[in-house]
């Protein structure tokens, strides 16, 4: 698998103007029509640059509808789309909304969102439970598990989960053990992994060995891997990443993405690009290979996952 084929585009930033992030530029001041056109343009720009994996969700505002509209202009069997169920976007593009999304892991929500998401077929390849946790009981709900198994067999889908939080590995292990009629249900695992949070290393070898797919999200740690005066504790990381960016003649974003693809070979790593420059800079991750010393140097900057997630909780919607 080439490095560019490992890069996917996450569409959260295309479907809603606010996301949990450390934003270092002003948000787009556009009406809905212009915002929609911007999203369609970015999907096409990513495609033209070689991206073929697109990740979306109903919880990402109008993102799923954008992907569906864009796909109508394509006839390319190499395109792969992943979507999810379990979150509903409720902020209505209001930056001051107290609630941006509502989580519901019920059979009713699964069936409701599937009725919309199935329009992504035949490009739809991966169908995931959005932000799976132990607490919601979704991994013990036989009606939901049986419904997902039916969709898997009926449409040739990979069924997956996305995870968030300090107990990602615990959730993944539980999901890996689930079978329906003697067959493993879950094939794909979308997990936070980056230079700061490397907890996925505790289970990635097992996932790959068993032929399960890994989709890396938040490779840029929600923007925290860009130099920021509010994160002085990361100055050594910033210094090292910037030195590598000079060495390989790319941006810091490409260094962070390249670290993920090299340490998770053959797996998908998502870009969260929000504009043309972002995606142009991100695809440069495929233009170089870091040596073992550089990879090792970056690996040393991992932090405790509890510290990572406590810090992430304090990030705002921007």
Protein backbone atom coordinates (compact mmCIF):
# COMPACT_ATOMS: atom_id res chain seq x y z
CA UNK A 1 0.00 0.00 0.00
CA UNK A 2 1.42 3.39 -1.03
CA UNK A 3 1.55 6.15 1.53
CA UNK A 4 -1.02 8.29 -0.32
CA UNK A 5 -3.45 5.35 -0.34
CA UNK A 6 -3.21 5.30 3.46
CA UNK A 7 -4.47 8.87 3.70
CA UNK A 8 -8.19 9.42 4.10
CA UNK A 9 -10.25 12.60 4.47
CA UNK A 10 -12.40 13.08 7.53
CA UNK A 11 -15.35 15.34 6.80
CA UNK A 12 -16.30 16.72 10.23
CA UNK A 13 -14.89 20.15 9.34
CA UNK A 14 -16.79 20.16 6.03
CA UNK A 15 -20.22 19.50 7.41
CA UNK A 16 -20.32 21.85 10.37
CA UNK A 17 -18.39 25.06 11.00
CA UNK A 18 -17.42 24.25 14.60
CA UNK A 19 -15.46 21.32 15.97
CA UNK A 20 -13.42 20.44 19.06
CA UNK A 21 -10.07 21.84 18.06
CA UNK A 22 -7.28 24.33 18.66
CA UNK A 23 -8.04 26.64 15.77
CA UNK A 24 -5.25 28.99 14.73
CA UNK A 25 -7.12 30.82 12.02
CA UNK A 26 -10.53 32.43 11.85
CA UNK A 27 -13.48 30.21 11.03
CA UNK A 28 -15.12 30.64 7.65
CA UNK A 29 -17.61 33.48 7.56
CA UNK A 30 -19.96 32.02 4.97
CA UNK A 31 -23.66 31.46 4.48
CA UNK A 32 -24.88 27.88 4.21
CA UNK A 33 -24.80 27.86 0.40
CA UNK A 34 -21.18 29.01 0.30
CA UNK A 35 -20.24 26.62 3.13
CA UNK A 36 -21.76 23.72 1.19
CA UNK A 37 -19.91 24.65 -2.00
CA UNK A 38 -16.66 24.92 -0.06
CA UNK A 39 -17.17 21.36 1.20
CA UNK A 40 -17.90 19.99 -2.25
CA UNK A 41 -14.82 21.74 -3.62
CA UNK A 42 -12.61 20.27 -0.91
CA UNK A 43 -13.87 16.74 -1.54
CA UNK A 44 -12.93 17.16 -5.20
CA UNK A 45 -9.55 18.71 -4.37
CA UNK A 46 -8.70 15.81 -2.07
CA UNK A 47 -9.75 13.35 -4.77
CA UNK A 48 -7.61 15.08 -7.40
CA UNK A 49 -4.63 14.83 -5.04
CA UNK A 50 -5.05 11.07 -4.73
CA UNK A 51 -7.29 10.59 -1.68
CA UNK A 52 -9.77 7.73 -2.11
CA UNK A 53 -11.01 7.09 1.45
CA UNK A 54 -13.66 9.45 2.85
CA UNK A 55 -14.98 9.29 6.40
CA UNK A 56 -18.27 10.91 7.36
CA UNK A 57 -21.20 10.69 9.78
CA UNK A 58 -24.72 12.06 10.36
CA UNK A 59 -23.31 13.78 13.44
CA UNK A 60 -21.10 15.92 11.20
CA UNK A 61 -23.84 18.35 10.18
CA UNK A 62 -24.37 18.26 6.41
CA UNK A 63 -21.19 16.24 5.72
CA UNK A 64 -22.92 12.99 4.79
CA UNK A 65 -25.22 14.82 2.38
CA UNK A 66 -22.21 16.57 0.85
CA UNK A 67 -20.41 13.27 0.30
CA UNK A 68 -23.52 11.77 -1.28
CA UNK A 69 -23.97 14.73 -3.62
CA UNK A 70 -20.29 14.65 -4.59
CA UNK A 71 -20.38 10.90 -5.28
CA UNK A 72 -23.05 11.48 -7.93
CA UNK A 73 -20.31 13.09 -10.03
CA UNK A 74 -18.06 10.02 -9.78
CA UNK A 75 -17.76 6.60 -11.37
CA UNK A 76 -14.67 5.25 -9.63
CA UNK A 77 -14.71 1.89 -7.88
CA UNK A 78 -11.55 2.77 -5.94
CA UNK A 79 -13.47 5.28 -3.79
CA UNK A 80 -14.26 4.01 -0.31
CA UNK A 81 -16.68 5.70 2.09
CA UNK A 82 -17.07 5.08 5.81
CA UNK A 83 -19.95 6.45 7.85
CA UNK A 84 -21.34 5.97 11.34
CA UNK A 85 -24.51 5.95 13.37
CA UNK A 86 -25.23 7.06 16.92
CA UNK A 87 -24.84 10.86 16.94
CA UNK A 88 -27.27 13.53 15.78
CA UNK A 89 -26.06 17.07 15.03
CA UNK A 90 -28.29 19.61 16.79
CA UNK A 91 -26.32 22.89 16.89
CA UNK A 92 -27.85 24.17 13.63
CA UNK A 93 -24.62 26.03 12.80
CA UNK A 94 -24.86 28.13 15.95
CA UNK A 95 -21.38 28.82 17.39
CA UNK A 96 -22.95 29.58 20.76
CA UNK A 97 -25.02 26.43 20.98
CA UNK A 98 -24.78 24.77 24.37
CA UNK A 99 -25.19 21.33 22.79
CA UNK A 100 -23.68 20.49 19.41
CA UNK A 101 -24.48 16.79 19.13
CA UNK A 102 -26.62 14.21 20.89
CA UNK A 103 -25.49 10.61 21.34
CA UNK A 104 -28.01 7.76 21.18
CA UNK A 105 -27.00 4.12 20.81
CA UNK A 106 -30.45 2.64 20.26
CA UNK A 107 -31.85 0.29 17.63
CA UNK A 108 -34.28 3.04 16.65
CA UNK A 109 -31.42 5.48 15.97
CA UNK A 110 -29.46 2.83 14.04
CA UNK A 111 -32.42 2.11 11.76
CA UNK A 112 -33.25 5.79 11.36
CA UNK A 113 -29.74 6.78 10.33
CA UNK A 114 -29.19 3.69 8.17
CA UNK A 115 -32.19 4.67 6.04
CA UNK A 116 -30.28 7.83 5.06
CA UNK A 117 -26.74 6.44 5.02
CA UNK A 118 -27.57 3.49 2.75
CA UNK A 119 -27.79 5.95 -0.15
CA UNK A 120 -23.96 5.98 -0.03
CA UNK A 121 -23.92 2.44 -1.44
CA UNK A 122 -22.09 1.03 -3.38
CA UNK A 123 -19.27 3.32 -2.28
CA UNK A 124 -20.09 2.69 1.37
CA UNK A 125 -17.61 0.10 2.65
CA UNK A 126 -17.38 0.68 6.42
CA UNK A 127 -20.30 1.21 8.82
CA UNK A 128 -19.38 2.12 12.38
CA UNK A 129 -20.87 2.68 15.81
CA UNK A 130 -19.99 6.31 16.54
CA UNK A 131 -17.99 6.77 19.75
CA UNK A 132 -18.52 3.34 21.24
CA UNK A 133 -18.28 3.09 25.02
CA UNK A 134 -18.89 0.46 27.65
CA UNK A 135 -21.35 2.77 29.43
CA UNK A 136 -23.97 2.94 26.65
CA UNK A 137 -24.31 -0.85 26.60
CA UNK A 138 -24.28 -0.89 22.80
CA UNK A 139 -21.79 -3.79 22.70
CA UNK A 140 -24.20 -5.90 24.75
CA UNK A 141 -27.38 -5.00 22.87
CA UNK A 142 -28.21 -8.17 20.94
CA UNK A 143 -30.82 -6.48 18.76
CA UNK A 144 -28.27 -3.92 17.58
CA UNK A 145 -25.51 -6.50 17.09
CA UNK A 146 -27.83 -8.75 15.07
CA UNK A 147 -28.97 -5.82 12.93
CA UNK A 148 -25.37 -4.85 12.20
CA UNK A 149 -24.56 -8.46 11.31
CA UNK A 150 -27.50 -8.46 8.88
CA UNK A 151 -26.31 -5.25 7.22
CA UNK A 152 -22.79 -6.65 7.03
CA UNK A 153 -23.91 -9.77 5.19
CA UNK A 154 -26.58 -8.07 3.10
CA UNK A 155 -24.31 -5.33 1.72
CA UNK A 156 -20.77 -6.72 2.07
CA UNK A 157 -19.83 -4.05 4.61
CA UNK A 158 -17.08 -3.92 7.18
CA UNK A 159 -18.70 -3.25 10.53
CA UNK A 160 -16.66 -1.11 12.89
CA UNK A 161 -16.52 1.06 15.96
CA UNK A 162 -14.98 4.41 16.72
CA UNK A 163 -13.55 4.99 20.17
CA UNK A 164 -12.79 7.97 22.36
CA UNK A 165 -11.22 8.33 25.80
CA UNK A 166 -8.78 6.69 28.16
CA UNK A 167 -10.26 3.20 27.84
CA UNK A 168 -10.00 2.86 24.06
CA UNK A 169 -8.07 -0.41 24.32
CA UNK A 170 -10.62 -1.90 26.73
CA UNK A 171 -13.47 -1.08 24.34
CA UNK A 172 -11.59 -2.51 21.36
CA UNK A 173 -10.85 -5.77 23.17
CA UNK A 174 -14.51 -6.16 24.11
CA UNK A 175 -15.61 -5.53 20.52
CA UNK A 176 -13.04 -7.98 19.14
CA UNK A 177 -14.60 -10.80 21.18
CA UNK A 178 -18.14 -10.26 19.88
CA UNK A 179 -19.49 -12.86 17.50
CA UNK A 180 -22.86 -13.25 15.80
CA UNK A 181 -23.73 -16.79 14.71
CA UNK A 182 -20.13 -17.82 15.29
CA UNK A 183 -18.55 -15.09 13.16
CA UNK A 184 -16.65 -12.03 14.44
CA UNK A 185 -18.82 -8.96 13.94
CA UNK A 186 -16.35 -6.08 14.02
CA UNK A 187 -13.77 -5.63 11.26
CA UNK A 188 -12.72 -1.97 11.54
CA UNK A 189 -11.57 0.14 14.47
CA UNK A 190 -11.33 3.93 14.22
CA UNK A 191 -9.08 5.02 17.06
CA UNK A 192 -7.35 8.16 18.30
CA UNK A 193 -3.62 7.79 17.72
CA UNK A 194 -0.89 10.38 17.39
CA UNK A 195 2.52 11.39 18.72
CA UNK A 196 1.01 12.32 22.08
CA UNK A 197 -1.44 9.44 22.55
CA UNK A 198 0.14 6.17 21.50
CA UNK A 199 -2.07 3.88 23.59
CA UNK A 200 -3.14 2.08 20.40
CA UNK A 201 0.29 0.43 20.39
CA UNK A 202 -1.00 -1.84 23.13
CA UNK A 203 -3.32 -3.64 20.74
CA UNK A 204 -2.44 -2.65 17.16
CA UNK A 205 -0.31 -5.72 16.48
CA UNK A 206 -3.19 -8.00 17.49
CA UNK A 207 -5.65 -6.12 15.30
CA UNK A 208 -3.38 -6.30 12.26
CA UNK A 209 -2.52 -9.95 12.89
CA UNK A 210 -6.21 -10.85 12.94
CA UNK A 211 -6.86 -8.97 9.72
CA UNK A 212 -8.88 -6.18 11.31
CA UNK A 213 -8.63 -2.65 9.89
CA UNK A 214 -7.34 0.38 11.81
CA UNK A 215 -8.46 3.89 10.95
CA UNK A 216 -6.43 6.54 12.77
CA UNK A 217 -8.26 9.69 13.79
CA UNK A 218 -7.02 12.89 15.44
CA UNK A 219 -3.51 12.40 14.06
CA UNK A 220 -2.79 16.08 14.79
CA UNK A 221 -4.15 15.84 18.36
CA UNK A 222 -6.93 18.33 17.60
CA UNK A 223 -4.34 20.93 16.59
CA UNK A 224 -2.16 20.58 19.67
CA UNK A 225 0.80 19.40 17.59
CA UNK A 226 1.14 22.85 16.04
CA UNK A 227 3.22 25.28 18.10
CA UNK A 228 0.99 27.06 20.56
CA UNK A 229 2.00 29.38 23.37
CA UNK A 230 -0.76 27.90 25.53
CA UNK A 231 1.01 24.54 25.52
CA UNK A 232 4.50 25.46 26.68
CA UNK A 233 4.92 21.91 28.02
CA UNK A 234 5.16 20.76 24.40
CA UNK A 235 7.93 23.13 23.34
CA UNK A 236 10.42 20.26 23.00
CA UNK A 237 7.99 18.43 20.74
CA UNK A 238 7.46 21.56 18.66
CA UNK A 239 11.20 22.08 18.32
CA UNK A 240 11.81 18.50 17.20
CA UNK A 241 8.87 18.38 14.79
CA UNK A 242 9.85 21.70 13.25
CA UNK A 243 13.42 20.46 12.75
CA UNK A 244 12.05 17.41 10.93
CA UNK A 245 9.77 19.62 8.85
CA UNK A 246 12.84 21.55 7.67
CA UNK A 247 14.76 18.32 7.06
CA UNK A 248 12.03 16.78 4.88
CA UNK A 249 10.85 20.09 3.37
CA UNK A 250 7.24 19.70 4.48
CA UNK A 251 4.96 21.14 7.17
CA UNK A 252 4.58 19.93 10.73
CA UNK A 253 1.22 18.41 9.75
CA UNK A 254 2.92 16.13 7.24
CA UNK A 255 5.40 15.00 9.90
CA UNK A 256 2.55 14.08 12.27
CA UNK A 257 0.62 12.21 9.57
CA UNK A 258 3.72 10.45 8.28
CA UNK A 259 4.52 9.25 11.82
CA UNK A 260 1.10 7.59 11.94
CA UNK A 261 1.31 5.90 8.55
CA UNK A 262 4.82 4.61 9.18
CA UNK A 263 4.02 3.25 12.63
CA UNK A 264 0.66 1.81 11.50
CA UNK A 265 1.71 0.40 8.11
CA UNK A 266 -1.08 -0.48 5.72
CA UNK A 267 -3.76 1.26 7.77
CA UNK A 268 -5.82 4.38 7.03
CA UNK A 269 -4.89 7.70 8.63
CA UNK A 270 -7.46 10.49 8.44
CA UNK A 271 -6.77 14.08 7.52
CA UNK A 272 -9.03 16.66 9.10
CA UNK A 273 -8.32 19.23 6.41
CA UNK A 274 -10.73 22.16 6.43
CA UNK A 275 -9.50 24.02 3.33
CA UNK A 276 -7.48 23.56 0.14
CA UNK A 277 -4.16 24.55 1.70
CA UNK A 278 -4.64 22.06 4.52
CA UNK A 279 -5.25 19.16 2.16
CA UNK A 280 -2.37 20.20 -0.12
CA UNK A 281 -0.05 20.29 2.88
CA UNK A 282 -1.42 17.03 4.32
CA UNK A 283 -0.85 14.97 1.15
CA UNK A 284 2.84 15.82 1.34
CA UNK A 285 3.01 13.13 4.04
CA UNK A 286 3.34 10.71 1.12
CA UNK A 287 6.45 12.35 -0.35
CA UNK A 288 9.05 11.14 2.16
CA UNK A 289 9.98 8.35 4.57
CA UNK A 290 11.41 9.16 7.97
CA UNK A 291 14.31 7.06 9.23
CA UNK A 292 14.17 4.93 12.38
CA UNK A 293 15.97 7.56 14.43
CA UNK A 294 13.39 10.21 13.57
CA UNK A 295 10.47 7.86 14.25
CA UNK A 296 12.07 6.84 17.53
CA UNK A 297 12.58 10.46 18.49
CA UNK A 298 8.93 11.26 17.92
CA UNK A 299 7.80 8.13 19.77
CA UNK A 300 9.52 9.36 22.94
CA UNK A 301 7.08 12.26 23.20
CA UNK A 302 4.08 10.10 24.10
CA UNK A 303 2.22 11.24 27.20
CA UNK A 304 -0.02 9.42 29.64
CA UNK A 305 -3.42 8.88 28.03
CA UNK A 306 -5.26 10.21 31.08
CA UNK A 307 -3.37 13.50 30.79
CA UNK A 308 -4.06 13.55 27.06
CA UNK A 309 -7.81 13.15 27.46
CA UNK A 310 -8.10 15.52 30.40
CA UNK A 311 -6.46 18.17 28.23
CA UNK A 312 -8.71 17.33 25.29
CA UNK A 313 -11.82 17.74 27.44
CA UNK A 314 -10.84 21.35 28.02
CA UNK A 315 -10.78 22.17 24.31
CA UNK A 316 -13.70 24.25 23.06
CA UNK A 317 -15.89 24.12 19.97
CA UNK A 318 -14.28 26.53 17.49
